[in-house]
């Protein structure tokens, strides 16, 4: 009986940990997106090509890619323009959080 209880507790723990992982999804608010779009229009940077790197949310960019700061208090992300698309990046993990068209 005790073994069965340990298995059940372990299962609930794993399910809880999975739920926490999904809860950490990055949310870019519409206001933040507007600030980013306006900032990028005012201060354009050259687009770069990154062969072999897919622009998907969650993909990490190589350390060789320079991330640019957005001078706005509500936006903690950095950006880069890849293949003429603005890409928002978490500076701590270098993972893509949003690709703007």
C-alpha atoms as a PDB file:
ATOM      1  CA  UNK A   1       0.000   0.000   0.000  1.00  0.00           C
ATOM      2  CA  UNK A   2       2.795   2.411   0.885  1.00  0.00           C
ATOM      3  CA  UNK A   3       4.504   1.711  -2.474  1.00  0.00           C
ATOM      4  CA  UNK A   4       1.288   2.526  -4.324  1.00  0.00           C
ATOM      5  CA  UNK A   5       0.986   5.782  -2.376  1.00  0.00           C
ATOM      6  CA  UNK A   6       4.576   6.751  -3.249  1.00  0.00           C
ATOM      7  CA  UNK A   7       3.896   6.078  -6.934  1.00  0.00           C
ATOM      8  CA  UNK A   8       0.730   8.202  -6.818  1.00  0.00           C
ATOM      9  CA  UNK A   9       2.528  11.090  -5.083  1.00  0.00           C
ATOM     10  CA  UNK A  10       5.364  10.929  -7.619  1.00  0.00           C
ATOM     11  CA  UNK A  11       2.835  11.001 -10.471  1.00  0.00           C
ATOM     12  CA  UNK A  12       1.067  14.045  -9.057  1.00  0.00           C
ATOM     13  CA  UNK A  13       4.414  15.782  -8.557  1.00  0.00           C
ATOM     14  CA  UNK A  14       5.385  15.168 -12.183  1.00  0.00           C
ATOM     15  CA  UNK A  15       2.030  16.420 -13.421  1.00  0.00           C
ATOM     16  CA  UNK A  16       2.395  19.523 -11.254  1.00  0.00           C
ATOM     17  CA  UNK A  17       5.896  20.178 -12.576  1.00  0.00           C
ATOM     18  CA  UNK A  18       4.602  19.899 -16.138  1.00  0.00           C
ATOM     19  CA  UNK A  19       1.880  22.434 -15.370  1.00  0.00           C
ATOM     20  CA  UNK A  20       4.458  24.844 -14.004  1.00  0.00           C
ATOM     21  CA  UNK A  21       6.485  24.513 -17.181  1.00  0.00           C
ATOM     22  CA  UNK A  22       3.488  25.427 -19.317  1.00  0.00           C
ATOM     23  CA  UNK A  23       2.693  28.361 -17.027  1.00  0.00           C
ATOM     24  CA  UNK A  24       6.060  29.930 -17.861  1.00  0.00           C
ATOM     25  CA  UNK A  25       4.999  30.751 -21.419  1.00  0.00           C
ATOM     26  CA  UNK A  26       6.191  34.210 -22.404  1.00  0.00           C
ATOM     27  CA  UNK A  27       3.444  36.720 -23.083  1.00  0.00           C
ATOM     28  CA  UNK A  28       4.121  39.824 -25.134  1.00  0.00           C
ATOM     29  CA  UNK A  29       1.265  42.225 -24.539  1.00  0.00           C
ATOM     30  CA  UNK A  30      -0.290  44.164 -27.415  1.00  0.00           C
ATOM     31  CA  UNK A  31       1.027  47.360 -25.798  1.00  0.00           C
ATOM     32  CA  UNK A  32       4.581  45.985 -25.732  1.00  0.00           C
ATOM     33  CA  UNK A  33       4.274  44.881 -29.349  1.00  0.00           C
ATOM     34  CA  UNK A  34       3.141  48.381 -30.351  1.00  0.00           C
ATOM     35  CA  UNK A  35       6.076  49.950 -28.500  1.00  0.00           C
ATOM     36  CA  UNK A  36       8.501  47.577 -30.236  1.00  0.00           C
ATOM     37  CA  UNK A  37       7.045  48.214 -33.702  1.00  0.00           C
ATOM     38  CA  UNK A  38       7.243  51.987 -33.240  1.00  0.00           C
ATOM     39  CA  UNK A  39      10.780  51.806 -31.844  1.00  0.00           C
ATOM     40  CA  UNK A  40      12.016  49.650 -34.728  1.00  0.00           C
ATOM     41  CA  UNK A  41      10.494  52.072 -37.258  1.00  0.00           C
ATOM     42  CA  UNK A  42      12.251  55.031 -35.620  1.00  0.00           C
ATOM     43  CA  UNK A  43      15.606  53.269 -35.226  1.00  0.00           C
ATOM     44  CA  UNK A  44      15.937  50.717 -38.012  1.00  0.00           C
ATOM     45  CA  UNK A  45      18.849  48.287 -38.052  1.00  0.00           C
ATOM     46  CA  UNK A  46      20.209  46.175 -40.881  1.00  0.00           C
ATOM     47  CA  UNK A  47      18.636  42.798 -41.450  1.00  0.00           C
ATOM     48  CA  UNK A  48      20.922  39.795 -41.087  1.00  0.00           C
ATOM     49  CA  UNK A  49      20.755  36.295 -42.535  1.00  0.00           C
ATOM     50  CA  UNK A  50      21.168  33.245 -40.331  1.00  0.00           C
ATOM     51  CA  UNK A  51      21.300  30.139 -42.519  1.00  0.00           C
ATOM     52  CA  UNK A  52      20.239  27.039 -40.627  1.00  0.00           C
ATOM     53  CA  UNK A  53      18.483  28.923 -37.816  1.00  0.00           C
ATOM     54  CA  UNK A  54      14.703  28.661 -37.802  1.00  0.00           C
ATOM     55  CA  UNK A  55      12.771  31.646 -36.529  1.00  0.00           C
ATOM     56  CA  UNK A  56      10.500  29.805 -34.139  1.00  0.00           C
ATOM     57  CA  UNK A  57       9.422  30.846 -30.668  1.00  0.00           C
ATOM     58  CA  UNK A  58      11.701  29.026 -28.241  1.00  0.00           C
ATOM     59  CA  UNK A  59      14.648  28.707 -30.636  1.00  0.00           C
ATOM     60  CA  UNK A  60      17.906  30.093 -29.253  1.00  0.00           C
ATOM     61  CA  UNK A  61      20.033  32.503 -31.261  1.00  0.00           C
ATOM     62  CA  UNK A  62      23.803  32.030 -31.442  1.00  0.00           C
ATOM     63  CA  UNK A  63      26.046  34.185 -29.248  1.00  0.00           C
ATOM     64  CA  UNK A  64      27.416  35.796 -32.406  1.00  0.00           C
ATOM     65  CA  UNK A  65      24.099  37.591 -33.049  1.00  0.00           C
ATOM     66  CA  UNK A  66      24.075  41.109 -31.613  1.00  0.00           C
ATOM     67  CA  UNK A  67      20.896  41.842 -29.674  1.00  0.00           C
ATOM     68  CA  UNK A  68      19.690  45.453 -29.622  1.00  0.00           C
ATOM     69  CA  UNK A  69      18.110  47.206 -26.656  1.00  0.00           C
ATOM     70  CA  UNK A  70      14.652  48.752 -26.839  1.00  0.00           C
ATOM     71  CA  UNK A  71      14.628  51.995 -24.868  1.00  0.00           C
ATOM     72  CA  UNK A  72      11.245  51.520 -23.238  1.00  0.00           C
ATOM     73  CA  UNK A  73      10.572  50.818 -19.559  1.00  0.00           C
ATOM     74  CA  UNK A  74       7.886  48.185 -20.192  1.00  0.00           C
ATOM     75  CA  UNK A  75       9.911  46.024 -22.584  1.00  0.00           C
ATOM     76  CA  UNK A  76      12.556  43.741 -21.114  1.00  0.00           C
ATOM     77  CA  UNK A  77      13.350  41.985 -24.376  1.00  0.00           C
ATOM     78  CA  UNK A  78      16.011  42.726 -26.970  1.00  0.00           C
ATOM     79  CA  UNK A  79      15.534  42.623 -30.712  1.00  0.00           C
ATOM     80  CA  UNK A  80      17.270  41.798 -33.942  1.00  0.00           C
ATOM     81  CA  UNK A  81      16.093  41.883 -37.542  1.00  0.00           C
ATOM     82  CA  UNK A  82      16.534  38.558 -39.324  1.00  0.00           C
ATOM     83  CA  UNK A  83      15.405  38.037 -42.911  1.00  0.00           C
ATOM     84  CA  UNK A  84      13.559  41.392 -42.715  1.00  0.00           C
ATOM     85  CA  UNK A  85      11.508  40.248 -39.701  1.00  0.00           C
ATOM     86  CA  UNK A  86      11.809  41.764 -36.254  1.00  0.00           C
ATOM     87  CA  UNK A  87      12.586  39.110 -33.666  1.00  0.00           C
ATOM     88  CA  UNK A  88      12.109  39.669 -29.934  1.00  0.00           C
ATOM     89  CA  UNK A  89      14.594  37.769 -27.791  1.00  0.00           C
ATOM     90  CA  UNK A  90      14.907  37.056 -24.075  1.00  0.00           C
ATOM     91  CA  UNK A  91      18.400  38.416 -23.331  1.00  0.00           C
ATOM     92  CA  UNK A  92      19.016  35.934 -20.510  1.00  0.00           C
ATOM     93  CA  UNK A  93      18.379  32.801 -22.549  1.00  0.00           C
ATOM     94  CA  UNK A  94      18.760  34.243 -26.072  1.00  0.00           C
ATOM     95  CA  UNK A  95      15.527  32.419 -26.953  1.00  0.00           C
ATOM     96  CA  UNK A  96      13.046  33.907 -29.400  1.00  0.00           C
ATOM     97  CA  UNK A  97       9.852  35.052 -27.665  1.00  0.00           C
ATOM     98  CA  UNK A  98       8.081  36.618 -30.660  1.00  0.00           C
ATOM     99  CA  UNK A  99       8.575  37.045 -34.411  1.00  0.00           C
ATOM    100  CA  UNK A 100       6.911  40.163 -35.799  1.00  0.00           C
ATOM    101  CA  UNK A 101       5.925  40.314 -39.451  1.00  0.00           C
END
